[in-house]
Amino acid sequence: MKESIVQAIGVVVVLATIALTIAAIIYEFTAM
């Protein structure tokens, strides 16, 4: 059970990182 929780947290962290990266890229383009 704990392993699945850890995997879920890992997936959330990865998705959050990707979302922040995309947001930063969009912000850079709109700033220009």
C-alpha atoms as a PDB file:
ATOM      1  CA  MET A   1       0.000   0.000   0.000  1.00  0.00           C
ATOM      2  CA  LYS A   2       2.752   2.438   0.929  1.00  0.00           C
ATOM      3  CA  GLU A   3       4.527   1.847  -2.376  1.00  0.00           C
ATOM      4  CA  SER A   4       1.453   2.897  -4.365  1.00  0.00           C
ATOM      5  CA  ILE A   5       1.167   6.053  -2.255  1.00  0.00           C
ATOM      6  CA  VAL A   6       4.823   6.875  -2.902  1.00  0.00           C
ATOM      7  CA  GLN A   7       4.304   6.272  -6.632  1.00  0.00           C
ATOM      8  CA  ALA A   8       1.221   8.525  -6.629  1.00  0.00           C
ATOM      9  CA  ILE A   9       3.177  11.292  -4.886  1.00  0.00           C
ATOM     10  CA  GLY A  10       6.005  10.863  -7.400  1.00  0.00           C
ATOM     11  CA  VAL A  11       3.587  11.178 -10.325  1.00  0.00           C
ATOM     12  CA  VAL A  12       2.040  14.314  -8.799  1.00  0.00           C
ATOM     13  CA  VAL A  13       5.492  15.857  -8.291  1.00  0.00           C
ATOM     14  CA  VAL A  14       6.500  15.095 -11.893  1.00  0.00           C
ATOM     15  CA  LEU A  15       3.233  16.503 -13.270  1.00  0.00           C
ATOM     16  CA  ALA A  16       3.597  19.616 -11.107  1.00  0.00           C
ATOM     17  CA  THR A  17       7.173  20.124 -12.335  1.00  0.00           C
ATOM     18  CA  ILE A  18       6.077  19.756 -15.968  1.00  0.00           C
ATOM     19  CA  ALA A  19       3.159  22.152 -15.390  1.00  0.00           C
ATOM     20  CA  LEU A  20       5.458  24.746 -13.802  1.00  0.00           C
ATOM     21  CA  THR A  21       7.944  24.387 -16.678  1.00  0.00           C
ATOM     22  CA  ILE A  22       5.195  24.870 -19.279  1.00  0.00           C
ATOM     23  CA  ALA A  23       3.843  27.847 -17.320  1.00  0.00           C
ATOM     24  CA  ALA A  24       7.324  29.396 -17.207  1.00  0.00           C
ATOM     25  CA  ILE A  25       7.785  28.894 -20.970  1.00  0.00           C
ATOM     26  CA  ILE A  26       4.367  30.446 -21.709  1.00  0.00           C
ATOM     27  CA  TYR A  27       5.186  33.340 -19.370  1.00  0.00           C
ATOM     28  CA  GLU A  28       8.496  33.928 -21.165  1.00  0.00           C
ATOM     29  CA  PHE A  29       6.752  33.969 -24.560  1.00  0.00           C
ATOM     30  CA  THR A  30       3.997  36.331 -23.365  1.00  0.00           C
ATOM     31  CA  ALA A  31       6.587  38.587 -21.695  1.00  0.00           C
ATOM     32  CA  MET A  32       8.277  38.990 -25.074  1.00  0.00           C
END
